[in-house]
Amino acid sequence: MQRKTLLTIAAASSLASLALGMPLSAQAQDAYPSKTIRFVVPYPPGGPTDLMARLLQGEMQTRLGVTVVIDNKGGAGGNLGSSEVAKQTPADGYTLLLAASGPMAVNPTLYKTMTFNPMLDLAPVIQISSFPLVLEVNPKVGVKTVKELVALTKNPKTELSFASAGNGTPQHLAGELFNTQMETHIAHIPYRGAGPALNDLLGGQVGVMFDILGSSLSYIQTGKLTPLAVTSAKRSPLLPNVPTMAEAGVAGYEFTGWHGIAVRAGTPAPVIDKLNSTLNAIFKEPEFRKKWEALGTPVVAGTAAAFGELIKKETVRLGKVVKDSGATVD
């Protein structure tokens, strides 16, 4: 009798534990968020990555019902801000990272040492962009086609440089890929973000840049910058008269960058699910989609798992670009 009673009590206790434990995930999701969320952008204010975060900020505040504070932490090609989120404690979803392809998939190959491992220390939430770049020059460079640019670089008296948002950024890799394929030697000048890089391009301190369409479009339209080609396989609807790199004579050239949202690894799954569903709902809004697409990127969205798979594949693809170009920062 005593043994039977003990077994009965143990079984009842186990069932009670299950009953209490089963709704915990739902409770965690319902309780989140209950305080201010910090949204880390690993680049300075004014660039395309920062603009994306600020466009999302208001929508997230409305839907989540808490304040979302943007924290720009630029430096080390995006590694500084990304590393801060990767080491954030506790892993509770109250610190978000605007994850860019540079620190997430390029820098593990570009940098000999990293203070974090993107695939181990960060958890994907959602992909938010996939964008081409536009190869553009300051009008003072005096070229209007890719062919003319390549010819200019062959002149030993010509000293050309291309600006980027920093080591490992899409702007950097796109330029390195161009140098590799066209056997040019346009020097790379890394900046602490796309904003400062674009300012120096406009000022003539550098002559060339691969930039996100949304950042440069107004300057192209007003003649302050000359577009030579877009890096996508198809022409951009924002610049329908500008050829693709392939059309401009760079066979097989195609380059796209991307962004997403990530949190520290170990963040509860219900919290990630809440963030993912909230962001997917935001991207379904027609008015928001128009504003987003004006930045030069289509809406992507989707599942956390899909974003995780993208990071894995892109780490291999972009790592190869780094190795083939010989680029290094150490």
Protein backbone atom coordinates (compact mmCIF):
# COMPACT_ATOMS: atom_id res chain seq x y z
CA MET A 1 0.00 0.00 0.00
CA GLN A 2 2.79 2.36 0.90
CA ARG A 3 4.58 1.74 -2.42
CA LYS A 4 1.32 2.15 -4.35
CA THR A 5 0.59 5.39 -2.54
CA LEU A 6 4.05 6.77 -3.26
CA LEU A 7 3.71 5.91 -6.96
CA THR A 8 0.32 7.57 -7.08
CA ILE A 9 1.69 10.72 -5.45
CA ALA A 10 4.69 10.76 -7.80
CA ALA A 11 2.45 10.37 -10.86
CA ALA A 12 0.16 13.11 -9.65
CA SER A 13 3.14 15.34 -8.99
CA SER A 14 4.50 14.74 -12.50
CA LEU A 15 1.14 15.53 -14.07
CA ALA A 16 0.90 18.69 -12.00
CA SER A 17 4.35 19.74 -13.13
CA LEU A 18 3.39 19.17 -16.75
CA ALA A 19 0.18 21.07 -16.27
CA LEU A 20 2.08 23.98 -14.79
CA GLY A 21 4.87 23.77 -17.33
CA MET A 22 2.80 23.52 -20.48
CA PRO A 23 1.48 27.08 -20.43
CA LEU A 24 4.85 28.61 -19.52
CA SER A 25 5.79 29.15 -23.15
CA ALA A 26 2.51 30.86 -23.85
CA GLN A 27 2.88 32.90 -20.69
CA ALA A 28 6.40 33.97 -21.69
CA GLN A 29 5.11 35.10 -25.06
CA ASP A 30 2.13 36.92 -23.55
CA ALA A 31 4.29 38.66 -20.95
CA TYR A 32 6.83 39.86 -23.52
CA PRO A 33 7.56 42.69 -23.84
CA SER A 34 6.97 44.48 -20.57
CA LYS A 35 9.78 47.07 -20.70
CA THR A 36 11.86 49.14 -23.10
CA ILE A 37 13.55 47.31 -25.99
CA ARG A 38 17.02 48.38 -27.14
CA PHE A 39 17.53 48.10 -30.90
CA VAL A 40 21.25 48.02 -31.70
CA VAL A 41 22.36 49.24 -35.14
CA PRO A 42 26.02 48.31 -35.70
CA TYR A 43 26.65 51.36 -37.89
CA PRO A 44 26.49 55.15 -37.38
CA PRO A 45 23.30 57.20 -37.93
CA GLY A 46 22.34 58.28 -41.43
CA GLY A 47 23.19 55.16 -43.43
CA PRO A 48 20.74 52.67 -44.97
CA THR A 49 20.96 50.23 -42.06
CA ASP A 50 20.10 53.01 -39.64
CA LEU A 51 17.20 54.17 -41.85
CA MET A 52 15.72 50.67 -41.80
CA ALA A 53 15.83 50.56 -38.01
CA ARG A 54 14.17 53.97 -37.69
CA LEU A 55 11.43 53.01 -40.11
CA LEU A 56 10.70 49.89 -38.05
CA GLN A 57 10.99 51.66 -34.71
CA GLY A 58 7.60 53.40 -34.73
CA GLU A 59 5.72 50.38 -36.03
CA MET A 60 7.27 48.09 -33.43
CA GLN A 61 6.43 50.50 -30.62
CA THR A 62 2.80 50.61 -31.73
CA ARG A 63 2.39 46.85 -32.03
CA LEU A 64 4.46 45.80 -29.02
CA GLY A 65 3.21 48.56 -26.74
CA VAL A 66 6.64 49.50 -25.33
CA THR A 67 9.34 52.03 -26.15
CA VAL A 68 11.95 50.92 -28.69
CA VAL A 69 15.24 52.83 -28.39
CA ILE A 70 17.73 52.80 -31.26
CA ASP A 71 21.36 52.51 -30.17
CA ASN A 72 23.97 53.12 -32.88
CA LYS A 73 27.14 51.16 -32.10
CA GLY A 74 29.36 51.52 -35.16
CA GLY A 75 32.89 50.21 -35.50
CA ALA A 76 35.00 47.27 -36.69
CA GLY A 77 32.87 46.67 -39.79
CA GLY A 78 29.74 46.12 -37.72
CA ASN A 79 31.48 43.76 -35.30
CA LEU A 80 31.34 46.11 -32.32
CA GLY A 81 27.56 46.43 -32.11
CA SER A 82 26.94 42.85 -33.18
CA SER A 83 29.31 41.52 -30.53
CA GLU A 84 27.55 43.57 -27.85
CA VAL A 85 24.23 41.89 -28.62
CA ALA A 86 25.90 38.47 -28.85
CA LYS A 87 27.20 38.93 -25.29
CA GLN A 88 24.11 40.61 -23.84
CA THR A 89 22.83 39.12 -20.59
CA PRO A 90 20.30 37.89 -19.90
CA ALA A 91 19.16 36.45 -23.23
CA ASP A 92 15.63 37.76 -22.87
CA GLY A 93 14.82 39.50 -26.17
CA TYR A 94 15.09 43.04 -24.82
CA THR A 95 18.18 43.77 -26.93
CA LEU A 96 17.72 43.37 -30.69
CA LEU A 97 20.35 43.55 -33.41
CA LEU A 98 19.82 44.88 -36.89
CA ALA A 99 21.91 42.08 -38.36
CA ALA A 100 23.76 42.94 -41.58
CA SER A 101 25.41 40.57 -44.03
CA GLY A 102 28.85 42.04 -43.23
CA PRO A 103 29.25 41.09 -39.57
CA MET A 104 26.99 38.05 -39.89
CA ALA A 105 28.48 36.32 -42.95
CA VAL A 106 31.53 38.21 -44.26
CA ASN A 107 33.58 39.14 -41.22
CA PRO A 108 34.14 35.57 -39.96
CA THR A 109 36.37 35.12 -43.03
CA LEU A 110 37.60 38.71 -43.41
CA TYR A 111 38.84 39.05 -39.83
CA LYS A 112 41.40 36.63 -38.44
CA THR A 113 39.96 37.03 -34.95
CA MET A 114 36.35 37.63 -33.93
CA THR A 115 35.01 38.27 -30.42
CA PHE A 116 31.81 36.40 -31.25
CA ASN A 117 30.50 33.66 -33.53
CA PRO A 118 27.41 34.85 -35.44
CA MET A 119 25.98 31.37 -35.91
CA LEU A 120 26.56 30.25 -32.32
CA ASP A 121 26.10 33.44 -30.30
CA LEU A 122 23.16 35.01 -32.13
CA ALA A 123 19.68 33.64 -32.88
CA PRO A 124 17.93 34.67 -36.12
CA VAL A 125 14.50 36.28 -35.86
CA ILE A 126 13.63 37.38 -39.40
CA GLN A 127 15.20 38.50 -42.67
CA ILE A 128 14.08 42.02 -43.58
CA SER A 129 15.92 42.93 -46.79
CA SER A 130 17.71 41.64 -49.87
CA PHE A 131 19.09 44.46 -51.94
CA PRO A 132 21.26 45.17 -54.97
CA LEU A 133 23.81 47.97 -55.06
CA VAL A 134 24.45 50.64 -57.65
CA LEU A 135 27.94 51.31 -58.98
CA GLU A 136 28.17 55.11 -59.06
CA VAL A 137 30.82 57.77 -59.49
CA ASN A 138 31.26 61.42 -58.72
CA PRO A 139 30.66 63.31 -62.01
CA LYS A 140 34.18 64.76 -61.73
CA VAL A 141 35.57 61.29 -62.50
CA GLY A 142 34.33 61.90 -66.03
CA VAL A 143 32.97 58.48 -66.96
CA LYS A 144 29.43 57.38 -67.78
CA THR A 145 29.82 53.65 -68.38
CA VAL A 146 31.55 50.71 -66.72
CA LYS A 147 33.70 50.27 -69.80
CA GLU A 148 34.96 53.84 -69.48
CA LEU A 149 35.67 53.33 -65.77
CA VAL A 150 37.72 50.20 -66.45
CA ALA A 151 39.65 51.98 -69.20
CA LEU A 152 40.38 54.86 -66.84
CA THR A 153 41.83 52.51 -64.23
CA LYS A 154 44.29 51.15 -66.78
CA ASN A 155 45.91 54.58 -67.07
CA PRO A 156 48.95 54.51 -64.74
CA LYS A 157 48.46 58.19 -63.97
CA THR A 158 44.94 57.56 -62.63
CA GLU A 159 44.47 57.23 -58.88
CA LEU A 160 40.97 56.03 -58.07
CA SER A 161 39.49 54.85 -54.80
CA PHE A 162 36.12 53.44 -53.82
CA ALA A 163 34.33 54.22 -50.57
CA SER A 164 32.48 51.69 -48.43
CA ALA A 165 30.48 51.67 -45.21
CA GLY A 166 33.33 49.74 -43.60
CA ASN A 167 35.35 46.56 -43.93
CA GLY A 168 33.17 43.55 -44.66
CA THR A 169 30.11 45.54 -45.72
CA PRO A 170 28.29 44.81 -49.00
CA GLN A 171 29.79 48.03 -50.42
CA HIS A 172 33.26 46.69 -49.67
CA LEU A 173 32.72 43.18 -51.03
CA ALA A 174 31.01 44.45 -54.17
CA GLY A 175 34.07 46.57 -54.92
CA GLU A 176 36.49 43.73 -54.24
CA LEU A 177 34.51 41.43 -56.50
CA PHE A 178 34.62 44.07 -59.25
CA ASN A 179 38.39 44.45 -58.88
CA THR A 180 38.83 40.67 -59.08
CA GLN A 181 36.66 40.15 -62.14
CA MET A 182 37.82 43.20 -64.10
CA GLU A 183 41.47 43.04 -62.95
CA THR A 184 41.30 46.64 -61.77
CA HIS A 185 43.01 48.12 -58.75
CA ILE A 186 40.61 50.68 -57.35
CA ALA A 187 41.78 51.27 -53.78
CA HIS A 188 39.33 50.56 -50.97
CA ILE A 189 38.63 53.34 -48.44
CA PRO A 190 36.55 52.05 -45.50
CA TYR A 191 34.39 54.49 -43.52
CA ARG A 192 32.49 54.17 -40.26
CA GLY A 193 29.17 53.80 -42.04
CA ALA A 194 27.53 54.47 -45.40
CA GLY A 195 26.55 58.04 -44.48
CA PRO A 196 30.13 59.34 -44.10
CA ALA A 197 31.22 57.37 -47.18
CA LEU A 198 28.46 58.87 -49.30
CA ASN A 199 29.29 62.37 -48.06
CA ASP A 200 32.90 62.02 -49.23
CA LEU A 201 31.76 60.61 -52.57
CA LEU A 202 29.53 63.65 -53.06
CA GLY A 203 32.40 65.91 -52.01
CA GLY A 204 34.83 64.31 -54.43
CA GLN A 205 37.26 63.00 -51.80
CA VAL A 206 36.64 59.54 -53.33
CA GLY A 207 35.49 58.88 -56.85
CA VAL A 208 33.64 55.55 -56.79
CA MET A 209 31.16 53.73 -54.58
CA PHE A 210 28.85 50.73 -54.61
CA ASP A 211 25.85 51.88 -52.59
CA ILE A 212 22.32 50.86 -51.68
CA LEU A 213 19.86 52.41 -54.14
CA GLY A 214 17.69 54.02 -51.51
CA SER A 215 20.61 56.03 -50.12
CA SER A 216 21.87 57.40 -53.42
CA LEU A 217 18.71 57.66 -55.51
CA SER A 218 17.97 61.34 -54.86
CA TYR A 219 21.57 62.30 -55.69
CA ILE A 220 21.43 60.28 -58.90
CA GLN A 221 18.17 61.91 -59.88
CA THR A 222 19.60 65.40 -59.35
CA GLY A 223 22.82 64.64 -61.24
CA LYS A 224 25.11 64.81 -58.22
CA LEU A 225 26.14 61.20 -58.81
CA THR A 226 26.46 59.22 -62.05
CA PRO A 227 25.13 55.63 -62.00
CA LEU A 228 27.02 53.11 -64.12
CA ALA A 229 25.29 49.80 -63.34
CA VAL A 230 23.27 47.88 -60.75
CA THR A 231 24.61 44.68 -59.22
CA SER A 232 21.39 42.64 -59.48
CA ALA A 233 20.57 40.11 -62.22
CA LYS A 234 17.70 42.34 -63.40
CA ARG A 235 17.41 46.09 -63.74
CA SER A 236 15.99 47.96 -60.79
CA PRO A 237 12.54 49.55 -61.17
CA LEU A 238 13.99 52.55 -59.34
CA LEU A 239 16.60 53.00 -62.10
CA PRO A 240 15.09 51.39 -65.20
CA ASN A 241 17.54 53.06 -67.58
CA VAL A 242 20.64 51.88 -65.74
CA PRO A 243 22.07 48.56 -67.00
CA THR A 244 22.94 45.55 -64.89
CA MET A 245 26.61 44.74 -64.45
CA ALA A 246 26.23 41.90 -66.94
CA GLU A 247 24.66 44.24 -69.49
CA ALA A 248 27.49 46.70 -68.85
CA GLY A 249 30.08 44.10 -69.77
CA VAL A 250 30.93 42.42 -66.47
CA ALA A 251 29.89 38.87 -67.27
CA GLY A 252 28.63 36.77 -64.37
CA TYR A 253 28.72 39.62 -61.88
CA GLU A 254 25.85 39.58 -59.39
CA PHE A 255 25.91 40.84 -55.83
CA THR A 256 23.23 41.39 -53.22
CA GLY A 257 23.37 42.30 -49.56
CA TRP A 258 20.80 41.68 -46.85
CA HIS A 259 19.64 42.59 -43.37
CA GLY A 260 17.69 40.86 -40.64
CA ILE A 261 16.85 40.98 -36.97
CA ALA A 262 18.70 38.81 -34.45
CA VAL A 263 18.88 38.35 -30.69
CA ARG A 264 21.31 36.65 -28.38
CA ALA A 265 21.35 32.86 -28.62
CA GLY A 266 19.37 31.30 -25.81
CA THR A 267 16.51 33.78 -26.05
CA PRO A 268 13.28 31.85 -25.33
CA ALA A 269 11.59 30.53 -28.46
CA PRO A 270 8.23 32.14 -27.57
CA VAL A 271 9.92 35.56 -27.46
CA ILE A 272 11.49 34.99 -30.88
CA ASP A 273 8.10 33.82 -32.18
CA LYS A 274 6.46 36.99 -30.82
CA LEU A 275 9.03 39.21 -32.52
CA ASN A 276 8.80 37.26 -35.77
CA SER A 277 5.00 37.40 -35.93
CA THR A 278 5.00 41.10 -35.06
CA LEU A 279 7.50 41.96 -37.79
CA ASN A 280 5.73 39.80 -40.36
CA ALA A 281 2.51 41.69 -39.57
CA ILE A 282 4.31 45.02 -40.04
CA PHE A 283 5.63 43.97 -43.44
CA LYS A 284 2.14 43.00 -44.60
CA GLU A 285 0.89 46.59 -44.25
CA PRO A 286 0.64 48.14 -47.76
CA GLU A 287 1.64 51.65 -46.66
CA PHE A 288 4.64 50.37 -44.74
CA ARG A 289 5.71 48.23 -47.71
CA LYS A 290 5.79 51.33 -49.94
CA LYS A 291 8.03 53.16 -47.50
CA TRP A 292 10.26 50.11 -47.15
CA GLU A 293 10.64 49.54 -50.88
CA ALA A 294 11.58 53.21 -51.31
CA LEU A 295 14.78 52.32 -49.42
CA GLY A 296 15.80 50.22 -52.41
CA THR A 297 14.93 46.77 -51.11
CA PRO A 298 11.89 44.55 -51.56
CA VAL A 299 10.09 43.20 -48.51
CA VAL A 300 11.40 39.75 -47.54
CA ALA A 301 10.08 38.66 -44.10
CA GLY A 302 9.41 34.94 -43.42
CA THR A 303 10.43 32.54 -40.66
CA ALA A 304 13.33 32.61 -38.24
CA ALA A 305 14.47 29.24 -39.60
CA ALA A 306 14.63 30.59 -43.16
CA PHE A 307 16.81 33.47 -42.02
CA GLY A 308 19.08 31.03 -40.21
CA GLU A 309 19.54 29.00 -43.39
CA LEU A 310 20.36 32.16 -45.34
CA ILE A 311 23.10 33.07 -42.86
CA LYS A 312 24.68 29.61 -43.24
CA LYS A 313 24.64 29.72 -47.04
CA GLU A 314 25.85 33.31 -47.26
CA THR A 315 28.74 32.65 -44.89
CA VAL A 316 30.03 30.17 -47.46
CA ARG A 317 29.25 32.31 -50.54
CA LEU A 318 30.59 35.61 -49.22
CA GLY A 319 33.51 33.91 -47.54
CA LYS A 320 34.58 32.71 -50.99
CA VAL A 321 34.41 36.28 -52.34
CA VAL A 322 36.71 37.39 -49.53
CA LYS A 323 39.20 34.59 -50.17
CA ASP A 324 39.21 35.04 -53.95
CA SER A 325 39.78 38.79 -53.64
CA GLY A 326 42.53 38.43 -51.06
CA ALA A 327 40.87 41.08 -48.89
CA THR A 328 41.97 41.30 -45.28
CA VAL A 329 41.82 43.82 -42.46
CA ASP A 330 44.27 42.25 -39.98
